[in-house]
Amino acid sequence: MSAPTAGLDRHGVSGRVLAGCRDEGRAALVGYLPVGHPDVATSVQAMVRLTGDGERPGVDLVEIGMPYSDPVMDGVTIQQATTRALARGVRTRDVFTAVEAVAATGTPALVMIYWNLVEQYGVDAFCRDLAAAGGAGLITPDLTPDEAGPWLEGSDVHGLDRVFLVSPSTTQARLASTLAACRGWVYATSVMGVTGTRTQTSTAGPELVARIRAQDPEMMVGLGLGVSDGDQAAETAGFADAVIVGSALVRTLLQAEDDGRPEDLGGLGAVVDDLAAGVRRGRPPARG
């Protein structure tokens, strides 16, 4: 292994994006899409569309999902898309193609991936190739800090952000250790269970964000699970540093494919426009 990257700070690339949005008086928007649906090339085009169309703003961070055969937190919509991607032969290396394309737009890309896939690829090799593609880091939904030794080392060596997850059921001791291990921000899941759009945002969200900030006032917090439109994005932007949206975006690609127009990104663009306007309507509370 090479020597650890010098000059690392706990905010990392993605955390600085969230802080920059906060300085503008708004929350950041994080958009999730899985690589490989409806095919690799179209999924990459969709991810690039998330970043904006040149005239209207898009997401501030792209969360690239790597399909997995046994997900622990993906809802029905995302499972449907990732199952199709796996059936069509998506491979782990395809995620680096997507990262490179997103990074070329100037919008940072994080990869959400189940840890077994990284281990199969080789932890240091994955970190090396992710950094070479211009990736900002990883979101690891099934990895806890006490089991993340190789990832902690690899992310330090290659200068990558590491985003761990917490939920309303996370104990105070686990919350403290998780926040200490994060670089960039922490992913707060506002409801128990799997992902998916909901007609109302979770009441547990503000309470969980408050717990995180009481434990670590400097930690940037992204809130996910349930946001489906601009109004919900505005509501969530009132207390979180980032609003994370996945199922509402994936659904547009499923619908386009089911309609026989898998290359049509018009529905996706409309949802992104609504969400981007929503986070700009929300006004996060001032932080010290």
C-alpha atoms as a PDB file:
ATOM      1  CA  MET A   1       0.000   0.000   0.000  1.00  0.00           C
ATOM      2  CA  SER A   2       1.026   3.551  -0.644  1.00  0.00           C
ATOM      3  CA  ALA A   3       1.412   6.099   2.117  1.00  0.00           C
ATOM      4  CA  PRO A   4      -1.792   7.608   3.540  1.00  0.00           C
ATOM      5  CA  THR A   5      -3.121  10.605   1.679  1.00  0.00           C
ATOM      6  CA  ALA A   6      -1.996  13.827   3.322  1.00  0.00           C
ATOM      7  CA  GLY A   7      -4.322  16.632   4.273  1.00  0.00           C
ATOM      8  CA  LEU A   8      -7.477  14.600   4.843  1.00  0.00           C
ATOM      9  CA  ASP A   9     -10.226  16.341   6.777  1.00  0.00           C
ATOM     10  CA  ARG A  10     -13.406  14.903   8.172  1.00  0.00           C
ATOM     11  CA  HIS A  11     -15.647  16.885   5.818  1.00  0.00           C
ATOM     12  CA  GLY A  12     -14.125  15.344   2.716  1.00  0.00           C
ATOM     13  CA  VAL A  13     -15.265  16.191  -0.796  1.00  0.00           C
ATOM     14  CA  SER A  14     -18.941  15.444  -0.229  1.00  0.00           C
ATOM     15  CA  GLY A  15     -19.144  17.110   3.169  1.00  0.00           C
ATOM     16  CA  ARG A  16     -17.741  20.304   1.703  1.00  0.00           C
ATOM     17  CA  VAL A  17     -20.500  20.214  -0.920  1.00  0.00           C
ATOM     18  CA  LEU A  18     -23.117  20.011   1.830  1.00  0.00           C
ATOM     19  CA  ALA A  19     -21.432  22.838   3.718  1.00  0.00           C
ATOM     20  CA  GLY A  20     -21.384  24.965   0.568  1.00  0.00           C
ATOM     21  CA  CYS A  21     -25.113  24.458   0.073  1.00  0.00           C
ATOM     22  CA  ARG A  22     -25.705  25.381   3.720  1.00  0.00           C
ATOM     23  CA  ASP A  23     -23.743  28.587   3.154  1.00  0.00           C
ATOM     24  CA  GLU A  24     -26.176  29.347   0.313  1.00  0.00           C
ATOM     25  CA  GLY A  25     -29.028  29.021   2.795  1.00  0.00           C
ATOM     26  CA  ARG A  26     -30.372  25.690   1.604  1.00  0.00           C
ATOM     27  CA  ALA A  27     -29.997  21.952   1.955  1.00  0.00           C
ATOM     28  CA  ALA A  28     -28.176  19.833  -0.613  1.00  0.00           C
ATOM     29  CA  LEU A  29     -30.002  17.393  -2.882  1.00  0.00           C
ATOM     30  CA  VAL A  30     -28.628  13.868  -3.230  1.00  0.00           C
ATOM     31  CA  GLY A  31     -30.054  11.724  -6.021  1.00  0.00           C
ATOM     32  CA  TYR A  32     -29.765   7.926  -6.204  1.00  0.00           C
ATOM     33  CA  LEU A  33     -29.882   5.746  -9.310  1.00  0.00           C
ATOM     34  CA  PRO A  34     -28.577   2.188  -9.794  1.00  0.00           C
ATOM     35  CA  VAL A  35     -26.070   1.476 -12.524  1.00  0.00           C
ATOM     36  CA  GLY A  36     -27.282  -0.944 -15.182  1.00  0.00           C
ATOM     37  CA  HIS A  37     -30.973  -0.086 -15.412  1.00  0.00           C
ATOM     38  CA  PRO A  38     -32.394  -0.129 -17.998  1.00  0.00           C
ATOM     39  CA  ASP A  39     -28.870  -0.783 -19.312  1.00  0.00           C
ATOM     40  CA  VAL A  40     -25.463   0.550 -18.373  1.00  0.00           C
ATOM     41  CA  ALA A  41     -25.305   3.262 -21.043  1.00  0.00           C
ATOM     42  CA  THR A  42     -28.792   4.629 -20.332  1.00  0.00           C
ATOM     43  CA  SER A  43     -28.265   4.502 -16.572  1.00  0.00           C
ATOM     44  CA  VAL A  44     -25.122   6.589 -16.992  1.00  0.00           C
ATOM     45  CA  GLN A  45     -27.016   9.101 -19.143  1.00  0.00           C
ATOM     46  CA  ALA A  46     -29.693   9.281 -16.443  1.00  0.00           C
ATOM     47  CA  MET A  47     -27.097   9.947 -13.754  1.00  0.00           C
ATOM     48  CA  VAL A  48     -25.619  12.753 -15.826  1.00  0.00           C
ATOM     49  CA  ARG A  49     -29.140  14.177 -16.251  1.00  0.00           C
ATOM     50  CA  LEU A  50     -29.470  14.261 -12.470  1.00  0.00           C
ATOM     51  CA  THR A  51     -26.760  16.916 -12.363  1.00  0.00           C
ATOM     52  CA  GLY A  52     -28.863  19.421 -14.339  1.00  0.00           C
ATOM     53  CA  ASP A  53     -29.599  20.256 -17.947  1.00  0.00           C
ATOM     54  CA  GLY A  54     -27.488  23.367 -18.289  1.00  0.00           C
ATOM     55  CA  GLU A  55     -30.387  25.751 -17.644  1.00  0.00           C
ATOM     56  CA  ARG A  56     -31.876  24.363 -14.435  1.00  0.00           C
ATOM     57  CA  PRO A  57     -30.079  23.069 -11.354  1.00  0.00           C
ATOM     58  CA  GLY A  58     -29.923  19.384 -10.560  1.00  0.00           C
ATOM     59  CA  VAL A  59     -28.654  17.359  -7.639  1.00  0.00           C
ATOM     60  CA  ASP A  60     -25.600  18.385  -5.656  1.00  0.00           C
ATOM     61  CA  LEU A  61     -24.346  14.820  -5.178  1.00  0.00           C
ATOM     62  CA  VAL A  62     -25.066  11.695  -7.208  1.00  0.00           C
ATOM     63  CA  GLU A  63     -25.440   8.444  -5.283  1.00  0.00           C
ATOM     64  CA  ILE A  64     -24.634   5.585  -7.651  1.00  0.00           C
ATOM     65  CA  GLY A  65     -26.132   2.289  -6.534  1.00  0.00           C
ATOM     66  CA  MET A  66     -24.427  -1.003  -7.288  1.00  0.00           C
ATOM     67  CA  PRO A  67     -27.095  -3.717  -7.728  1.00  0.00           C
ATOM     68  CA  TYR A  68     -26.853  -6.630  -5.324  1.00  0.00           C
ATOM     69  CA  SER A  69     -28.673  -9.942  -5.178  1.00  0.00           C
ATOM     70  CA  ASP A  70     -29.518  -9.755  -1.468  1.00  0.00           C
ATOM     71  CA  PRO A  71     -30.095  -6.109  -0.452  1.00  0.00           C
ATOM     72  CA  VAL A  72     -31.007  -5.354   3.156  1.00  0.00           C
ATOM     73  CA  MET A  73     -32.640  -1.957   2.771  1.00  0.00           C
ATOM     74  CA  ASP A  74     -33.787  -1.495  -0.823  1.00  0.00           C
ATOM     75  CA  GLY A  75     -37.537  -1.029  -1.273  1.00  0.00           C
ATOM     76  CA  VAL A  76     -39.716  -2.597  -3.941  1.00  0.00           C
ATOM     77  CA  THR A  77     -39.072   0.060  -6.597  1.00  0.00           C
ATOM     78  CA  ILE A  78     -35.290  -0.082  -6.317  1.00  0.00           C
ATOM     79  CA  GLN A  79     -35.284  -3.879  -6.043  1.00  0.00           C
ATOM     80  CA  GLN A  80     -37.260  -4.083  -9.280  1.00  0.00           C
ATOM     81  CA  ALA A  81     -34.721  -1.937 -11.117  1.00  0.00           C
ATOM     82  CA  THR A  82     -31.664  -3.665  -9.648  1.00  0.00           C
ATOM     83  CA  THR A  83     -33.080  -7.117 -10.350  1.00  0.00           C
ATOM     84  CA  ARG A  84     -33.471  -6.169 -14.007  1.00  0.00           C
ATOM     85  CA  ALA A  85     -29.926  -4.765 -14.052  1.00  0.00           C
ATOM     86  CA  LEU A  86     -28.482  -7.981 -12.592  1.00  0.00           C
ATOM     87  CA  ALA A  87     -30.419 -10.107 -15.073  1.00  0.00           C
ATOM     88  CA  ARG A  88     -28.923  -8.049 -17.902  1.00  0.00           C
ATOM     89  CA  GLY A  89     -25.377  -8.658 -16.723  1.00  0.00           C
ATOM     90  CA  VAL A  90     -24.314  -5.523 -14.859  1.00  0.00           C
ATOM     91  CA  ARG A  91     -20.887  -5.964 -13.292  1.00  0.00           C
ATOM     92  CA  THR A  92     -19.110  -4.256 -10.408  1.00  0.00           C
ATOM     93  CA  ARG A  93     -16.641  -2.627 -12.787  1.00  0.00           C
ATOM     94  CA  ASP A  94     -19.550  -0.824 -14.486  1.00  0.00           C
ATOM     95  CA  VAL A  95     -19.843   1.401 -11.442  1.00  0.00           C
ATOM     96  CA  PHE A  96     -16.508   3.010 -12.282  1.00  0.00           C
ATOM     97  CA  THR A  97     -17.779   3.933 -15.749  1.00  0.00           C
ATOM     98  CA  ALA A  98     -20.733   5.667 -14.119  1.00  0.00           C
ATOM     99  CA  VAL A  99     -18.538   7.436 -11.571  1.00  0.00           C
ATOM    100  CA  GLU A 100     -16.232   8.748 -14.260  1.00  0.00           C
ATOM    101  CA  ALA A 101     -19.128  10.137 -16.301  1.00  0.00           C
ATOM    102  CA  VAL A 102     -20.699  11.879 -13.311  1.00  0.00           C
ATOM    103  CA  ALA A 103     -17.390  13.255 -12.070  1.00  0.00           C
ATOM    104  CA  ALA A 104     -16.801  14.771 -15.524  1.00  0.00           C
ATOM    105  CA  THR A 105     -19.862  16.987 -14.971  1.00  0.00           C
ATOM    106  CA  GLY A 106     -18.261  18.523 -11.876  1.00  0.00           C
ATOM    107  CA  THR A 107     -20.811  16.945  -9.521  1.00  0.00           C
ATOM    108  CA  PRO A 108     -19.263  14.557  -6.980  1.00  0.00           C
ATOM    109  CA  ALA A 109     -20.310  10.901  -7.103  1.00  0.00           C
ATOM    110  CA  LEU A 110     -20.598   8.524  -4.167  1.00  0.00           C
ATOM    111  CA  VAL A 111     -21.188   4.806  -4.601  1.00  0.00           C
ATOM    112  CA  MET A 112     -23.711   2.975  -2.419  1.00  0.00           C
ATOM    113  CA  ILE A 113     -22.592  -0.640  -2.321  1.00  0.00           C
ATOM    114  CA  TYR A 114     -23.015  -3.730  -0.193  1.00  0.00           C
ATOM    115  CA  TRP A 115     -19.734  -4.677   1.375  1.00  0.00           C
ATOM    116  CA  ASN A 116     -19.457  -8.226   0.049  1.00  0.00           C
ATOM    117  CA  LEU A 117     -19.053  -6.824  -3.463  1.00  0.00           C
ATOM    118  CA  VAL A 118     -16.115  -4.678  -2.365  1.00  0.00           C
ATOM    119  CA  GLU A 119     -14.481  -7.628  -0.619  1.00  0.00           C
ATOM    120  CA  GLN A 120     -14.892  -9.798  -3.710  1.00  0.00           C
ATOM    121  CA  TYR A 121     -13.285  -7.101  -5.858  1.00  0.00           C
ATOM    122  CA  GLY A 122     -10.524  -6.481  -3.303  1.00  0.00           C
ATOM    123  CA  VAL A 123     -10.806  -3.591  -0.865  1.00  0.00           C
ATOM    124  CA  ASP A 124      -7.634  -1.736  -1.826  1.00  0.00           C
ATOM    125  CA  ALA A 125      -8.197  -2.388  -5.539  1.00  0.00           C
ATOM    126  CA  PHE A 126     -11.750  -1.054  -5.289  1.00  0.00           C
ATOM    127  CA  CYS A 127     -10.583   2.057  -3.429  1.00  0.00           C
ATOM    128  CA  ARG A 128      -7.821   2.578  -5.990  1.00  0.00           C
ATOM    129  CA  ASP A 129     -10.142   2.247  -8.975  1.00  0.00           C
ATOM    130  CA  LEU A 130     -12.846   4.400  -7.399  1.00  0.00           C
ATOM    131  CA  ALA A 131     -10.358   7.180  -6.715  1.00  0.00           C
ATOM    132  CA  ALA A 132      -8.916   6.858 -10.236  1.00  0.00           C
ATOM    133  CA  ALA A 133     -12.416   7.264 -11.702  1.00  0.00           C
ATOM    134  CA  GLY A 134     -12.916  10.466  -9.717  1.00  0.00           C
ATOM    135  CA  GLY A 135     -15.264   9.051  -7.081  1.00  0.00           C
ATOM    136  CA  ALA A 136     -15.719  10.883  -3.800  1.00  0.00           C
ATOM    137  CA  GLY A 137     -16.287   7.832  -1.608  1.00  0.00           C
ATOM    138  CA  LEU A 138     -18.663   5.086  -0.514  1.00  0.00           C
ATOM    139  CA  ILE A 139     -21.980   4.735   1.282  1.00  0.00           C
ATOM    140  CA  THR A 140     -21.930   1.317   2.968  1.00  0.00           C
ATOM    141  CA  PRO A 141     -25.397   0.320   4.231  1.00  0.00           C
ATOM    142  CA  ASP A 142     -24.425  -3.051   5.699  1.00  0.00           C
ATOM    143  CA  LEU A 143     -21.028  -2.176   7.169  1.00  0.00           C
ATOM    144  CA  THR A 144     -20.519  -0.975  10.733  1.00  0.00           C
ATOM    145  CA  PRO A 145     -17.378   0.895  11.815  1.00  0.00           C
ATOM    146  CA  ASP A 146     -16.207  -1.872  14.137  1.00  0.00           C
ATOM    147  CA  GLU A 147     -16.107  -4.272  11.164  1.00  0.00           C
ATOM    148  CA  ALA A 148     -14.702  -1.746   8.702  1.00  0.00           C
ATOM    149  CA  GLY A 149     -10.953  -1.914   9.346  1.00  0.00           C
ATOM    150  CA  PRO A 150      -9.896  -2.540   5.718  1.00  0.00           C
ATOM    151  CA  TRP A 151     -12.283   0.178   4.482  1.00  0.00           C
ATOM    152  CA  LEU A 152     -11.053   2.700   7.040  1.00  0.00           C
ATOM    153  CA  GLU A 153      -7.494   2.016   5.918  1.00  0.00           C
ATOM    154  CA  GLY A 154      -8.267   1.996   2.207  1.00  0.00           C
ATOM    155  CA  SER A 155     -10.281   5.200   2.367  1.00  0.00           C
ATOM    156  CA  ASP A 156      -7.427   6.944   4.165  1.00  0.00           C
ATOM    157  CA  VAL A 157      -4.846   5.724   1.666  1.00  0.00           C
ATOM    158  CA  HIS A 158      -6.897   6.810  -1.342  1.00  0.00           C
ATOM    159  CA  GLY A 159      -8.521   9.934   0.117  1.00  0.00           C
ATOM    160  CA  LEU A 160     -12.136   8.739  -0.032  1.00  0.00           C
ATOM    161  CA  ASP A 161     -15.175   9.803   1.954  1.00  0.00           C
ATOM    162  CA  ARG A 162     -16.882   7.156   4.074  1.00  0.00           C
ATOM    163  CA  VAL A 163     -20.582   7.533   4.801  1.00  0.00           C
ATOM    164  CA  PHE A 164     -22.078   5.182   7.370  1.00  0.00           C
ATOM    165  CA  LEU A 165     -25.762   4.835   8.235  1.00  0.00           C
ATOM    166  CA  VAL A 166     -27.692   5.447  11.453  1.00  0.00           C
ATOM    167  CA  SER A 167     -31.385   4.977  12.191  1.00  0.00           C
ATOM    168  CA  PRO A 168     -33.878   5.807  14.954  1.00  0.00           C
ATOM    169  CA  SER A 169     -32.979   2.498  16.638  1.00  0.00           C
ATOM    170  CA  THR A 170     -29.242   3.238  16.764  1.00  0.00           C
ATOM    171  CA  THR A 171     -28.021   3.232  20.366  1.00  0.00           C
ATOM    172  CA  GLN A 172     -26.185   6.238  21.732  1.00  0.00           C
ATOM    173  CA  ALA A 173     -22.920   4.320  21.949  1.00  0.00           C
ATOM    174  CA  ARG A 174     -23.256   3.106  18.362  1.00  0.00           C
ATOM    175  CA  LEU A 175     -24.202   6.607  17.229  1.00  0.00           C
ATOM    176  CA  ALA A 176     -21.039   8.047  18.762  1.00  0.00           C
ATOM    177  CA  SER A 177     -18.748   5.443  17.186  1.00  0.00           C
ATOM    178  CA  THR A 178     -20.435   5.748  13.793  1.00  0.00           C
ATOM    179  CA  LEU A 179     -20.151   9.527  13.678  1.00  0.00           C
ATOM    180  CA  ALA A 180     -16.509   9.315  14.680  1.00  0.00           C
ATOM    181  CA  ALA A 181     -15.823   6.984  11.754  1.00  0.00           C
ATOM    182  CA  CYS A 182     -17.628   9.043   9.103  1.00  0.00           C
ATOM    183  CA  ARG A 183     -15.823  11.334   6.726  1.00  0.00           C
ATOM    184  CA  GLY A 184     -18.021  13.618   4.655  1.00  0.00           C
ATOM    185  CA  TRP A 185     -21.424  13.201   6.310  1.00  0.00           C
ATOM    186  CA  VAL A 186     -23.678  10.650   7.953  1.00  0.00           C
ATOM    187  CA  TYR A 187     -26.657   8.999   6.253  1.00  0.00           C
ATOM    188  CA  ALA A 188     -29.673   9.164   8.589  1.00  0.00           C
ATOM    189  CA  THR A 189     -32.505   6.801   7.710  1.00  0.00           C
ATOM    190  CA  SER A 190     -35.641   8.479   8.967  1.00  0.00           C
ATOM    191  CA  VAL A 191     -37.827   5.375   9.164  1.00  0.00           C
ATOM    192  CA  MET A 192     -37.312   1.789  10.163  1.00  0.00           C
ATOM    193  CA  GLY A 193     -37.242  -0.752   7.361  1.00  0.00           C
ATOM    194  CA  VAL A 194     -36.607  -0.537   3.640  1.00  0.00           C
ATOM    195  CA  THR A 195     -36.553   2.379   1.245  1.00  0.00           C
ATOM    196  CA  GLY A 196     -39.493   3.684  -0.765  1.00  0.00           C
ATOM    197  CA  THR A 197     -41.530   6.812  -1.356  1.00  0.00           C
ATOM    198  CA  ARG A 198     -44.160   7.733   1.221  1.00  0.00           C
ATOM    199  CA  THR A 199     -47.099  10.110   1.278  1.00  0.00           C
ATOM    200  CA  GLN A 200     -45.728  11.748   4.415  1.00  0.00           C
ATOM    201  CA  THR A 201     -42.200  12.252   5.659  1.00  0.00           C
ATOM    202  CA  SER A 202     -41.240  10.482   8.847  1.00  0.00           C
ATOM    203  CA  THR A 203     -41.726  12.227  12.188  1.00  0.00           C
ATOM    204  CA  ALA A 204     -38.651  10.341  13.400  1.00  0.00           C
ATOM    205  CA  GLY A 205     -36.439  12.327  11.046  1.00  0.00           C
ATOM    206  CA  PRO A 206     -36.168  15.600  12.991  1.00  0.00           C
ATOM    207  CA  GLU A 207     -35.615  13.698  16.238  1.00  0.00           C
ATOM    208  CA  LEU A 208     -32.802  11.610  14.746  1.00  0.00           C
ATOM    209  CA  VAL A 209     -31.111  14.660  13.233  1.00  0.00           C
ATOM    210  CA  ALA A 210     -31.325  16.384  16.634  1.00  0.00           C
ATOM    211  CA  ARG A 211     -29.687  13.363  18.298  1.00  0.00           C
ATOM    212  CA  ILE A 212     -26.856  13.425  15.774  1.00  0.00           C
ATOM    213  CA  ARG A 213     -26.221  17.129  16.240  1.00  0.00           C
ATOM    214  CA  ALA A 214     -26.328  16.838  20.007  1.00  0.00           C
ATOM    215  CA  GLN A 215     -23.633  14.162  19.774  1.00  0.00           C
ATOM    216  CA  ASP A 216     -21.552  15.891  17.085  1.00  0.00           C
ATOM    217  CA  PRO A 217     -22.540  19.489  16.237  1.00  0.00           C
ATOM    218  CA  GLU A 218     -20.126  19.647  13.290  1.00  0.00           C
ATOM    219  CA  MET A 219     -21.376  16.525  11.512  1.00  0.00           C
ATOM    220  CA  MET A 220     -23.226  17.087   8.245  1.00  0.00           C
ATOM    221  CA  VAL A 221     -26.431  15.036   8.079  1.00  0.00           C
ATOM    222  CA  GLY A 222     -28.163  13.637   5.009  1.00  0.00           C
ATOM    223  CA  LEU A 223     -31.691  12.326   5.537  1.00  0.00           C
ATOM    224  CA  GLY A 224     -33.154   9.604   3.374  1.00  0.00           C
ATOM    225  CA  LEU A 225     -36.020   7.159   2.946  1.00  0.00           C
ATOM    226  CA  GLY A 226     -39.395   8.480   1.908  1.00  0.00           C
ATOM    227  CA  VAL A 227     -38.991  11.831   0.109  1.00  0.00           C
ATOM    228  CA  SER A 228     -40.934  11.737  -3.146  1.00  0.00           C
ATOM    229  CA  ASP A 229     -41.609  15.316  -4.286  1.00  0.00           C
ATOM    230  CA  GLY A 230     -40.579  18.940  -3.958  1.00  0.00           C
ATOM    231  CA  ASP A 231     -42.883  19.671  -1.028  1.00  0.00           C
ATOM    232  CA  GLN A 232     -41.439  16.830   1.023  1.00  0.00           C
ATOM    233  CA  ALA A 233     -37.951  17.893  -0.024  1.00  0.00           C
ATOM    234  CA  ALA A 234     -38.670  21.425   1.237  1.00  0.00           C
ATOM    235  CA  GLU A 235     -39.939  20.041   4.534  1.00  0.00           C
ATOM    236  CA  THR A 236     -36.889  17.838   5.024  1.00  0.00           C
ATOM    237  CA  ALA A 237     -34.589  20.691   3.991  1.00  0.00           C
ATOM    238  CA  GLY A 238     -35.891  22.597   7.002  1.00  0.00           C
ATOM    239  CA  PHE A 239     -33.848  20.470   9.391  1.00  0.00           C
ATOM    240  CA  ALA A 240     -31.347  18.310   7.462  1.00  0.00           C
ATOM    241  CA  ASP A 241     -28.178  19.277   5.607  1.00  0.00           C
ATOM    242  CA  ALA A 242     -29.036  17.027   2.653  1.00  0.00           C
ATOM    243  CA  VAL A 243     -32.219  15.496   1.252  1.00  0.00           C
ATOM    244  CA  ILE A 244     -31.672  12.029  -0.249  1.00  0.00           C
ATOM    245  CA  VAL A 245     -34.068  10.782  -2.930  1.00  0.00           C
ATOM    246  CA  GLY A 246     -34.003   7.412  -4.652  1.00  0.00           C
ATOM    247  CA  SER A 247     -37.264   5.578  -5.311  1.00  0.00           C
ATOM    248  CA  ALA A 248     -39.028   8.602  -6.818  1.00  0.00           C
ATOM    249  CA  LEU A 249     -36.237   8.878  -9.395  1.00  0.00           C
ATOM    250  CA  VAL A 250     -35.949   5.170 -10.122  1.00  0.00           C
ATOM    251  CA  ARG A 251     -39.706   4.916 -10.656  1.00  0.00           C
ATOM    252  CA  THR A 252     -39.523   7.277 -13.636  1.00  0.00           C
ATOM    253  CA  LEU A 253     -37.046   4.969 -15.400  1.00  0.00           C
ATOM    254  CA  LEU A 254     -39.134   1.890 -14.668  1.00  0.00           C
ATOM    255  CA  GLN A 255     -42.190   3.658 -16.066  1.00  0.00           C
ATOM    256  CA  ALA A 256     -40.333   4.740 -19.188  1.00  0.00           C
ATOM    257  CA  GLU A 257     -39.158   1.190 -19.783  1.00  0.00           C
ATOM    258  CA  ASP A 258     -42.607  -0.268 -19.178  1.00  0.00           C
ATOM    259  CA  ASP A 259     -43.975   2.250 -21.690  1.00  0.00           C
ATOM    260  CA  GLY A 260     -41.506   1.036 -24.294  1.00  0.00           C
ATOM    261  CA  ARG A 261     -39.365   4.185 -24.110  1.00  0.00           C
ATOM    262  CA  PRO A 262     -36.417   3.176 -21.912  1.00  0.00           C
ATOM    263  CA  GLU A 263     -34.254   5.983 -23.284  1.00  0.00           C
ATOM    264  CA  ASP A 264     -36.805   8.697 -22.371  1.00  0.00           C
ATOM    265  CA  LEU A 265     -35.461  10.748 -19.452  1.00  0.00           C
ATOM    266  CA  GLY A 266     -38.234  13.350 -19.553  1.00  0.00           C
ATOM    267  CA  GLY A 267     -40.001  11.997 -16.485  1.00  0.00           C
ATOM    268  CA  LEU A 268     -36.731  11.847 -14.583  1.00  0.00           C
ATOM    269  CA  GLY A 269     -35.931  15.437 -15.484  1.00  0.00           C
ATOM    270  CA  ALA A 270     -39.321  16.658 -14.281  1.00  0.00           C
ATOM    271  CA  VAL A 271     -38.883  14.998 -10.881  1.00  0.00           C
ATOM    272  CA  VAL A 272     -35.357  16.392 -10.522  1.00  0.00           C
ATOM    273  CA  ASP A 273     -36.608  19.887 -11.328  1.00  0.00           C
ATOM    274  CA  ASP A 274     -39.337  19.587  -8.679  1.00  0.00           C
ATOM    275  CA  LEU A 275     -36.943  18.298  -6.032  1.00  0.00           C
ATOM    276  CA  ALA A 276     -34.273  20.915  -6.793  1.00  0.00           C
ATOM    277  CA  ALA A 277     -36.886  23.659  -6.417  1.00  0.00           C
ATOM    278  CA  GLY A 278     -38.037  22.055  -3.182  1.00  0.00           C
ATOM    279  CA  VAL A 279     -34.672  22.122  -1.428  1.00  0.00           C
ATOM    280  CA  ARG A 280     -34.386  25.771  -2.377  1.00  0.00           C
ATOM    281  CA  ARG A 281     -37.729  26.528  -0.734  1.00  0.00           C
ATOM    282  CA  GLY A 282     -36.679  24.917   2.538  1.00  0.00           C
ATOM    283  CA  ARG A 283     -34.655  26.995   4.923  1.00  0.00           C
ATOM    284  CA  PRO A 284     -32.375  25.019   7.219  1.00  0.00           C
ATOM    285  CA  PRO A 285     -31.902  26.400  10.732  1.00  0.00           C
ATOM    286  CA  ALA A 286     -28.682  28.317  11.332  1.00  0.00           C
ATOM    287  CA  ARG A 287     -25.825  26.275  12.738  1.00  0.00           C
ATOM    288  CA  GLY A 288     -22.900  27.459  14.750  1.00  0.00           C
END
